[in-house]
C-alpha atoms as a PDB file:
ATOM      1  CA  MET A   1       9.568   9.154  20.140  1.00  0.00           C
ATOM      2  CA  THR A   2       6.181  10.912  19.558  1.00  0.00           C
ATOM      3  CA  LYS A   3       4.506  13.869  17.760  1.00  0.00           C
ATOM      4  CA  HIS A   4       1.852  16.588  18.343  1.00  0.00           C
ATOM      5  CA  ARG A   5      -0.046  18.753  15.863  1.00  0.00           C
ATOM      6  CA  LYS A   6      -3.226  20.752  16.246  1.00  0.00           C
ATOM      7  CA  LYS A   7      -5.719  23.057  14.473  1.00  0.00           C
ATOM      8  CA  ARG A   8      -8.487  25.176  15.944  1.00  0.00           C
ATOM      9  CA  ASN A   9     -11.629  23.569  14.465  1.00  0.00           C
ATOM     10  CA  TYR A  10     -10.679  20.049  15.251  1.00  0.00           C
ATOM     11  CA  ARG A  11      -7.915  18.462  17.121  1.00  0.00           C
ATOM     12  CA  ARG A  12      -6.261  15.147  16.657  1.00  0.00           C
ATOM     13  CA  ILE A  13      -3.206  14.261  18.620  1.00  0.00           C
ATOM     14  CA  SER A  14      -1.180  11.197  17.809  1.00  0.00           C
ATOM     15  CA  LEU A  15       1.623   9.828  19.946  1.00  0.00           C
ATOM     16  CA  VAL A  16       4.499   7.671  18.787  1.00  0.00           C
ATOM     17  CA  ALA A  17       7.259   6.288  21.018  1.00  0.00           C
ATOM     18  CA  LEU A  18      10.739   5.289  19.913  1.00  0.00           C
ATOM     19  CA  ALA A  19      13.723   4.191  21.948  1.00  0.00           C
ATOM     20  CA  VAL A  20      17.165   4.731  20.446  1.00  0.00           C
ATOM     21  CA  THR A  21      20.292   3.574  22.201  1.00  0.00           C
ATOM     22  CA  ALA A  22      23.237   5.966  22.199  1.00  0.00           C
ATOM     23  CA  VAL A  23      26.679   4.856  23.364  1.00  0.00           C
ATOM     24  CA  GLY A  24      26.195   4.217  27.059  1.00  0.00           C
ATOM     25  CA  VAL A  25      23.213   6.632  27.213  1.00  0.00           C
ATOM     26  CA  PRO A  26      19.557   5.706  26.870  1.00  0.00           C
ATOM     27  CA  SER A  27      17.960   7.992  24.338  1.00  0.00           C
ATOM     28  CA  ILE A  28      14.245   8.363  23.846  1.00  0.00           C
ATOM     29  CA  ALA A  29      12.176  10.676  21.702  1.00  0.00           C
ATOM     30  CA  MET A  30       8.496  11.524  21.364  1.00  0.00           C
ATOM     31  CA  ALA A  31       6.479  13.439  18.810  1.00  0.00           C
ATOM     32  CA  CYS A  32       3.147  15.169  19.132  1.00  0.00           C
ATOM     33  CA  ARG A  33       1.008  16.691  16.416  1.00  0.00           C
ATOM     34  CA  GLY A  34      -2.274  18.582  16.344  1.00  0.00           C
ATOM     35  CA  GLY A  35      -4.449  19.005  13.296  1.00  0.00           C
ATOM     36  CA  PRO A  36      -8.042  19.379  12.068  1.00  0.00           C
ATOM     37  CA  SER A  37     -10.498  16.600  12.841  1.00  0.00           C
ATOM     38  CA  ASP A  38     -14.209  15.849  12.958  1.00  0.00           C
ATOM     39  CA  GLY A  39     -14.585  17.124  16.501  1.00  0.00           C
ATOM     40  CA  ALA A  40     -13.795  13.826  18.200  1.00  0.00           C
ATOM     41  CA  ALA A  41     -11.795  13.710  21.408  1.00  0.00           C
ATOM     42  CA  HIS A  42      -7.995  13.726  21.259  1.00  0.00           C
ATOM     43  CA  ARG A  43      -6.564  10.513  19.925  1.00  0.00           C
ATOM     44  CA  HIS A  44      -3.262   9.114  21.085  1.00  0.00           C
ATOM     45  CA  GLU A  45      -1.312   6.363  19.351  1.00  0.00           C
ATOM     46  CA  SER A  46       1.742   4.643  20.717  1.00  0.00           C
ATOM     47  CA  SER A  47       4.119   1.932  19.660  1.00  0.00           C
ATOM     48  CA  ALA A  48       5.123  -0.655  22.247  1.00  0.00           C
ATOM     49  CA  SER A  49       6.042  -4.285  22.543  1.00  0.00           C
ATOM     50  CA  ALA A  50       3.253  -6.723  23.305  1.00  0.00           C
ATOM     51  CA  PHE A  51       2.995 -10.211  24.735  1.00  0.00           C
ATOM     52  CA  ARG A  52       0.322 -12.702  23.741  1.00  0.00           C
ATOM     53  CA  GLN A  53      -0.200 -16.087  25.199  1.00  0.00           C
ATOM     54  CA  GLN A  54      -2.151 -18.607  23.163  1.00  0.00           C
ATOM     55  CA  PRO A  55      -3.722 -21.690  24.737  1.00  0.00           C
ATOM     56  CA  ALA A  56      -2.396 -25.045  23.655  1.00  0.00           C
ATOM     57  CA  GLN A  57      -4.510 -27.123  21.297  1.00  0.00           C
ATOM     58  CA  GLY A  58      -7.432 -28.786  23.056  1.00  0.00           C
ATOM     59  CA  ASP A  59      -9.040 -27.657  26.265  1.00  0.00           C
ATOM     60  CA  GLY A  60      -6.298 -28.969  28.533  1.00  0.00           C
ATOM     61  CA  SER A  61      -8.434 -31.806  29.911  1.00  0.00           C
ATOM     62  CA  PRO A  62      -6.807 -35.254  30.193  1.00  0.00           C
ATOM     63  CA  GLU A  63      -7.796 -37.706  27.513  1.00  0.00           C
ATOM     64  CA  PRO A  64     -10.386 -40.253  28.708  1.00  0.00           C
ATOM     65  CA  THR A  65      -9.147 -43.753  29.329  1.00  0.00           C
ATOM     66  CA  ALA A  66     -10.559 -46.763  27.541  1.00  0.00           C
ATOM     67  CA  SER A  67     -13.966 -47.943  28.718  1.00  0.00           C
ATOM     68  CA  PRO A  68     -13.796 -50.649  31.401  1.00  0.00           C
ATOM     69  CA  THR A  69     -14.359 -54.197  30.142  1.00  0.00           C
ATOM     70  CA  ALA A  70     -17.512 -56.055  31.021  1.00  0.00           C
ATOM     71  CA  THR A  71     -15.640 -58.602  33.106  1.00  0.00           C
ATOM     72  CA  SER A  72     -13.925 -56.883  35.980  1.00  0.00           C
ATOM     73  CA  ALA A  73     -10.700 -58.267  37.335  1.00  0.00           C
ATOM     74  CA  ALA A  74     -10.832 -60.271  40.543  1.00  0.00           C
ATOM     75  CA  PRO A  75     -10.353 -58.016  43.525  1.00  0.00           C
ATOM     76  CA  GLN A  76      -6.872 -58.125  44.864  1.00  0.00           C
ATOM     77  CA  ARG A  77      -6.258 -59.095  48.446  1.00  0.00           C
ATOM     78  CA  PRO A  78      -5.751 -55.948  50.395  1.00  0.00           C
ATOM     79  CA  GLU A  79      -2.249 -55.579  51.688  1.00  0.00           C
ATOM     80  CA  THR A  80      -1.742 -55.452  55.383  1.00  0.00           C
ATOM     81  CA  PRO A  81      -0.888 -51.894  56.150  1.00  0.00           C
ATOM     82  CA  LYS A  82       2.666 -51.513  57.253  1.00  0.00           C
ATOM     83  CA  ALA A  83       3.510 -49.464  60.230  1.00  0.00           C
ATOM     84  CA  SER A  84       4.775 -46.195  59.010  1.00  0.00           C
ATOM     85  CA  LYS A  85       7.781 -44.490  60.348  1.00  0.00           C
ATOM     86  CA  THR A  86       7.488 -41.354  62.370  1.00  0.00           C
ATOM     87  CA  PRO A  87       5.205 -39.194  60.326  1.00  0.00           C
ATOM     88  CA  THR A  88       6.882 -36.220  58.877  1.00  0.00           C
ATOM     89  CA  ALA A  89       5.330 -32.833  59.181  1.00  0.00           C
ATOM     90  CA  PRO A  90       3.829 -31.599  55.961  1.00  0.00           C
ATOM     91  CA  LYS A  91       6.108 -29.327  54.096  1.00  0.00           C
ATOM     92  CA  ARG A  92       5.357 -25.746  54.723  1.00  0.00           C
ATOM     93  CA  THR A  93       3.854 -24.123  51.709  1.00  0.00           C
ATOM     94  CA  THR A  94       5.852 -21.127  50.697  1.00  0.00           C
ATOM     95  CA  GLU A  95       3.904 -17.974  50.214  1.00  0.00           C
ATOM     96  CA  PRO A  96       3.424 -17.199  46.536  1.00  0.00           C
ATOM     97  CA  LYS A  97       5.583 -14.396  45.299  1.00  0.00           C
ATOM     98  CA  ALA A  98       3.873 -11.304  44.046  1.00  0.00           C
ATOM     99  CA  PRO A  99       3.722 -11.324  40.252  1.00  0.00           C
ATOM    100  CA  THR A 100       6.417  -9.286  38.622  1.00  0.00           C
ATOM    101  CA  THR A 101       5.040  -6.218  36.929  1.00  0.00           C
ATOM    102  CA  PRO A 102       6.117  -6.174  33.273  1.00  0.00           C
ATOM    103  CA  ARG A 103       8.100  -3.156  32.266  1.00  0.00           C
ATOM    104  CA  ALA A 104       6.796  -1.058  29.439  1.00  0.00           C
ATOM    105  CA  LEU A 105       9.013   0.793  27.065  1.00  0.00           C
ATOM    106  CA  PRO A 106      10.152   3.864  29.000  1.00  0.00           C
ATOM    107  CA  THR A 107       8.529   7.021  27.723  1.00  0.00           C
ATOM    108  CA  ALA A 108       9.493   9.364  30.487  1.00  0.00           C
ATOM    109  CA  PRO A 109      11.459   8.262  33.562  1.00  0.00           C
ATOM    110  CA  THR A 110      10.130   9.478  36.887  1.00  0.00           C
ATOM    111  CA  PHE A 111      12.132   9.802  40.076  1.00  0.00           C
ATOM    112  CA  ALA A 112      10.919  10.124  43.638  1.00  0.00           C
ATOM    113  CA  ALA A 113      11.937  13.333  45.328  1.00  0.00           C
ATOM    114  CA  PRO A 114      14.952  12.760  47.626  1.00  0.00           C
ATOM    115  CA  THR A 115      14.152  12.911  51.321  1.00  0.00           C
ATOM    116  CA  ALA A 116      17.585  13.617  52.737  1.00  0.00           C
ATOM    117  CA  ALA A 117      19.872  14.548  49.857  1.00  0.00           C
ATOM    118  CA  PRO A 118      19.842  18.229  48.860  1.00  0.00           C
ATOM    119  CA  ARG A 119      17.948  19.049  45.700  1.00  0.00           C
ATOM    120  CA  ALA A 120      20.020  19.497  42.559  1.00  0.00           C
ATOM    121  CA  PRO A 121      20.095  22.981  41.084  1.00  0.00           C
ATOM    122  CA  ALA A 122      17.324  23.800  38.654  1.00  0.00           C
ATOM    123  CA  ALA A 123      18.035  22.990  35.031  1.00  0.00           C
ATOM    124  CA  VAL A 124      18.615  25.812  32.631  1.00  0.00           C
ATOM    125  CA  ALA A 125      17.956  25.987  28.929  1.00  0.00           C
ATOM    126  CA  ALA A 126      21.033  25.843  26.736  1.00  0.00           C
ATOM    127  CA  PRO A 127      21.841  29.053  24.877  1.00  0.00           C
ATOM    128  CA  ALA A 128      20.486  29.198  21.350  1.00  0.00           C
ATOM    129  CA  SER A 129      23.904  29.970  19.931  1.00  0.00           C
ATOM    130  CA  GLY A 130      25.236  27.233  17.722  1.00  0.00           C
ATOM    131  CA  ILE A 131      23.023  24.394  18.954  1.00  0.00           C
ATOM    132  CA  ALA A 132      19.647  25.768  17.869  1.00  0.00           C
ATOM    133  CA  ALA A 133      21.111  27.104  14.647  1.00  0.00           C
ATOM    134  CA  ARG A 134      22.646  23.712  13.874  1.00  0.00           C
ATOM    135  CA  VAL A 135      19.357  21.888  14.520  1.00  0.00           C
ATOM    136  CA  VAL A 136      17.522  24.285  12.205  1.00  0.00           C
ATOM    137  CA  GLN A 137      20.213  23.801   9.576  1.00  0.00           C
ATOM    138  CA  LEU A 138      19.815  20.010   9.743  1.00  0.00           C
ATOM    139  CA  VAL A 139      16.018  20.314   9.639  1.00  0.00           C
ATOM    140  CA  ASN A 140      16.150  22.504   6.544  1.00  0.00           C
ATOM    141  CA  GLN A 141      18.576  20.139   4.836  1.00  0.00           C
ATOM    142  CA  GLU A 142      16.036  17.332   5.243  1.00  0.00           C
ATOM    143  CA  ARG A 143      13.167  19.559   4.099  1.00  0.00           C
ATOM    144  CA  ALA A 144      15.073  20.591   0.973  1.00  0.00           C
ATOM    145  CA  LYS A 145      15.318  16.926  -0.042  1.00  0.00           C
ATOM    146  CA  VAL A 146      11.510  16.698  -0.314  1.00  0.00           C
ATOM    147  CA  GLY A 147      10.926  20.159  -1.739  1.00  0.00           C
ATOM    148  CA  CYS A 148       9.698  21.909   1.437  1.00  0.00           C
ATOM    149  CA  SER A 149      10.571  25.532   2.101  1.00  0.00           C
ATOM    150  CA  PRO A 150      13.107  26.171   4.881  1.00  0.00           C
ATOM    151  CA  LEU A 151      11.884  26.953   8.387  1.00  0.00           C
ATOM    152  CA  THR A 152      12.694  30.208  10.135  1.00  0.00           C
ATOM    153  CA  LEU A 153      13.923  30.184  13.740  1.00  0.00           C
ATOM    154  CA  ASN A 154      11.138  31.974  15.607  1.00  0.00           C
ATOM    155  CA  ALA A 155      11.846  33.699  18.924  1.00  0.00           C
ATOM    156  CA  LYS A 156       8.399  32.950  20.429  1.00  0.00           C
ATOM    157  CA  LEU A 157       8.519  29.282  19.487  1.00  0.00           C
ATOM    158  CA  THR A 158      12.080  29.128  20.817  1.00  0.00           C
ATOM    159  CA  ASN A 159      10.916  30.561  24.154  1.00  0.00           C
ATOM    160  CA  ALA A 160       8.217  27.887  24.347  1.00  0.00           C
ATOM    161  CA  ALA A 161      10.681  25.122  23.398  1.00  0.00           C
ATOM    162  CA  GLU A 162      13.344  26.269  25.861  1.00  0.00           C
ATOM    163  CA  ALA A 163      10.816  26.567  28.699  1.00  0.00           C
ATOM    164  CA  HIS A 164       9.499  23.056  28.044  1.00  0.00           C
ATOM    165  CA  SER A 165      13.006  21.557  27.867  1.00  0.00           C
ATOM    166  CA  THR A 166      13.835  23.217  31.183  1.00  0.00           C
ATOM    167  CA  ASP A 167      10.615  21.914  32.717  1.00  0.00           C
ATOM    168  CA  MET A 168      11.369  18.354  31.556  1.00  0.00           C
ATOM    169  CA  ALA A 169      14.937  18.523  32.870  1.00  0.00           C
ATOM    170  CA  ASP A 170      13.798  19.963  36.219  1.00  0.00           C
ATOM    171  CA  HIS A 171      11.440  17.015  36.708  1.00  0.00           C
ATOM    172  CA  SER A 172      13.509  14.345  34.911  1.00  0.00           C
ATOM    173  CA  ASN A 173      10.419  13.633  32.849  1.00  0.00           C
ATOM    174  CA  MET A 174      10.181  13.561  29.057  1.00  0.00           C
ATOM    175  CA  SER A 175       6.607  14.283  28.025  1.00  0.00           C
ATOM    176  CA  HIS A 176       4.457  16.514  25.840  1.00  0.00           C
ATOM    177  CA  THR A 177       2.507  17.392  28.983  1.00  0.00           C
ATOM    178  CA  GLY A 178       4.152  20.039  31.143  1.00  0.00           C
ATOM    179  CA  SER A 179       4.457  19.740  34.903  1.00  0.00           C
ATOM    180  CA  ASP A 180       1.581  22.220  35.116  1.00  0.00           C
ATOM    181  CA  GLY A 181      -0.610  20.064  32.868  1.00  0.00           C
ATOM    182  CA  SER A 182      -0.118  22.223  29.779  1.00  0.00           C
ATOM    183  CA  ASP A 183      -0.076  20.785  26.264  1.00  0.00           C
ATOM    184  CA  PRO A 184       2.109  22.062  23.387  1.00  0.00           C
ATOM    185  CA  GLY A 185      -0.647  24.257  21.950  1.00  0.00           C
ATOM    186  CA  ALA A 186      -1.172  26.034  25.268  1.00  0.00           C
ATOM    187  CA  ARG A 187       2.570  26.593  25.766  1.00  0.00           C
ATOM    188  CA  ILE A 188       3.018  27.964  22.246  1.00  0.00           C
ATOM    189  CA  THR A 189       0.006  30.255  22.680  1.00  0.00           C
ATOM    190  CA  ASN A 190       1.266  31.477  26.067  1.00  0.00           C
ATOM    191  CA  ALA A 191       4.578  32.326  24.425  1.00  0.00           C
ATOM    192  CA  GLY A 192       2.668  34.718  22.148  1.00  0.00           C
ATOM    193  CA  TYR A 193       2.690  32.696  18.924  1.00  0.00           C
ATOM    194  CA  SER A 194      -0.677  32.793  17.139  1.00  0.00           C
ATOM    195  CA  TRP A 195      -0.849  29.486  15.286  1.00  0.00           C
ATOM    196  CA  SER A 196      -3.073  27.827  12.745  1.00  0.00           C
ATOM    197  CA  SER A 197      -1.265  24.507  13.191  1.00  0.00           C
ATOM    198  CA  TYR A 198       1.664  23.294  15.256  1.00  0.00           C
ATOM    199  CA  GLY A 199       3.812  20.253  15.958  1.00  0.00           C
ATOM    200  CA  GLU A 200       6.254  19.251  18.676  1.00  0.00           C
ATOM    201  CA  ASN A 201       9.143  16.795  18.926  1.00  0.00           C
ATOM    202  CA  VAL A 202      10.893  16.029  22.216  1.00  0.00           C
ATOM    203  CA  ALA A 203      13.810  13.777  23.125  1.00  0.00           C
ATOM    204  CA  TYR A 204      16.382  13.178  25.831  1.00  0.00           C
ATOM    205  CA  GLY A 205      19.796  11.579  26.155  1.00  0.00           C
ATOM    206  CA  TYR A 206      21.218  12.751  22.813  1.00  0.00           C
ATOM    207  CA  ASP A 207      24.478  14.650  23.097  1.00  0.00           C
ATOM    208  CA  THR A 208      24.589  16.490  19.776  1.00  0.00           C
ATOM    209  CA  PRO A 209      22.246  18.082  17.220  1.00  0.00           C
ATOM    210  CA  GLU A 210      23.351  15.433  14.730  1.00  0.00           C
ATOM    211  CA  SER A 211      22.470  12.517  17.009  1.00  0.00           C
ATOM    212  CA  VAL A 212      19.069  13.844  18.060  1.00  0.00           C
ATOM    213  CA  MET A 213      18.167  14.647  14.455  1.00  0.00           C
ATOM    214  CA  ALA A 214      19.173  11.113  13.425  1.00  0.00           C
ATOM    215  CA  GLY A 215      16.882   9.766  16.150  1.00  0.00           C
ATOM    216  CA  TRP A 216      13.960  11.948  15.090  1.00  0.00           C
ATOM    217  CA  MET A 217      14.391  11.165  11.400  1.00  0.00           C
ATOM    218  CA  SER A 218      14.330   7.425  12.137  1.00  0.00           C
ATOM    219  CA  SER A 219      10.831   7.760  13.648  1.00  0.00           C
ATOM    220  CA  PRO A 220       7.853   8.234  11.285  1.00  0.00           C
ATOM    221  CA  GLY A 221       6.041  10.580  13.667  1.00  0.00           C
ATOM    222  CA  HIS A 222       8.974  12.908  14.225  1.00  0.00           C
ATOM    223  CA  LYS A 223       9.966  12.777  10.580  1.00  0.00           C
ATOM    224  CA  ARG A 224       6.441  13.803   9.616  1.00  0.00           C
ATOM    225  CA  ASN A 225       6.711  16.945  11.742  1.00  0.00           C
ATOM    226  CA  ILE A 226      10.142  17.818  10.358  1.00  0.00           C
ATOM    227  CA  LEU A 227       9.046  17.323   6.738  1.00  0.00           C
ATOM    228  CA  ASP A 228       5.615  18.974   7.001  1.00  0.00           C
ATOM    229  CA  CYS A 229       5.699  21.575   4.229  1.00  0.00           C
ATOM    230  CA  SER A 230       2.837  23.526   5.859  1.00  0.00           C
ATOM    231  CA  PHE A 231       5.030  24.608   8.769  1.00  0.00           C
ATOM    232  CA  ARG A 232       6.913  27.881   8.394  1.00  0.00           C
ATOM    233  CA  ASP A 233       8.536  28.491  11.795  1.00  0.00           C
ATOM    234  CA  ILE A 234      10.504  26.484  14.344  1.00  0.00           C
ATOM    235  CA  GLY A 235      11.759  26.887  17.897  1.00  0.00           C
ATOM    236  CA  VAL A 236      14.484  24.737  19.486  1.00  0.00           C
ATOM    237  CA  GLY A 237      15.231  24.124  23.155  1.00  0.00           C
ATOM    238  CA  LEU A 238      17.845  22.090  25.042  1.00  0.00           C
ATOM    239  CA  ALA A 239      18.228  21.809  28.819  1.00  0.00           C
ATOM    240  CA  GLN A 240      20.527  19.970  31.207  1.00  0.00           C
ATOM    241  CA  PRO A 241      21.002  17.696  33.006  1.00  0.00           C
ATOM    242  CA  GLY A 242      19.949  14.827  30.775  1.00  0.00           C
ATOM    243  CA  SER A 243      19.965  16.639  27.410  1.00  0.00           C
ATOM    244  CA  TYR A 244      16.233  17.272  27.072  1.00  0.00           C
ATOM    245  CA  TRP A 245      15.410  18.523  23.568  1.00  0.00           C
ATOM    246  CA  THR A 246      12.300  20.225  22.207  1.00  0.00           C
ATOM    247  CA  GLN A 247      11.366  21.229  18.666  1.00  0.00           C
ATOM    248  CA  ASP A 248       8.228  23.364  18.291  1.00  0.00           C
ATOM    249  CA  PHE A 249       6.905  23.831  14.755  1.00  0.00           C
ATOM    250  CA  GLY A 250       4.220  26.275  13.696  1.00  0.00           C
ATOM    251  CA  ALA A 251       2.285  27.921  10.924  1.00  0.00           C
ATOM    252  CA  ALA A 252       1.137  31.360  12.000  1.00  0.00           C
ATOM    253  CA  ARG A 253      -2.387  32.612  11.405  1.00  0.00           C
END
């Protein structure tokens, strides 16, 4: 999971990844958030597993043997070399295998375009009826618990969210960056929403509003977007195949 929030004077983007396992379906979410900063470049943060190898104690060199005594032992009589049997050919050294590339936590699966199979039909955004309304209802229930005002489902933010979900489903790629290189702020602006701050949550693999909300609320980054009392509007998108979800939050100027 990750988050995105942004303000005009200064932008800071933080990224958080979370993998949640649904029954038989891998589910992943990301959150992106933009906000004011000191003018530094965008900052991304991610959570991932790490591997560290520590050297064993000592430098690995063999311990020195005891110093030879002053009186050396009498030289032994050299043994008469025995005739060896038919020399065997040295064993062929097997070529070293290429090192296995470690797998990182999946953030957005990518698939090579099929060469022979026909292309699947383009994904379409799910209708806003029921699903979007249910997500907004669950969001506002969580916001009420911390004293935040309820969010209003905004048509422009919904257009941006639906378009991004469709784009992710079309390319089987969960990301805050669109296939055209756009970021959440650009997509929200292009949809006609004039923002002072925004946030975005995305996810895939969750079958219901309840399950995706549970996944988002279990991630600090996504939860922060959902419970940000400064936001006033929300847009929700869902596209198939793959159940690609988008939440776009905003505070209008």
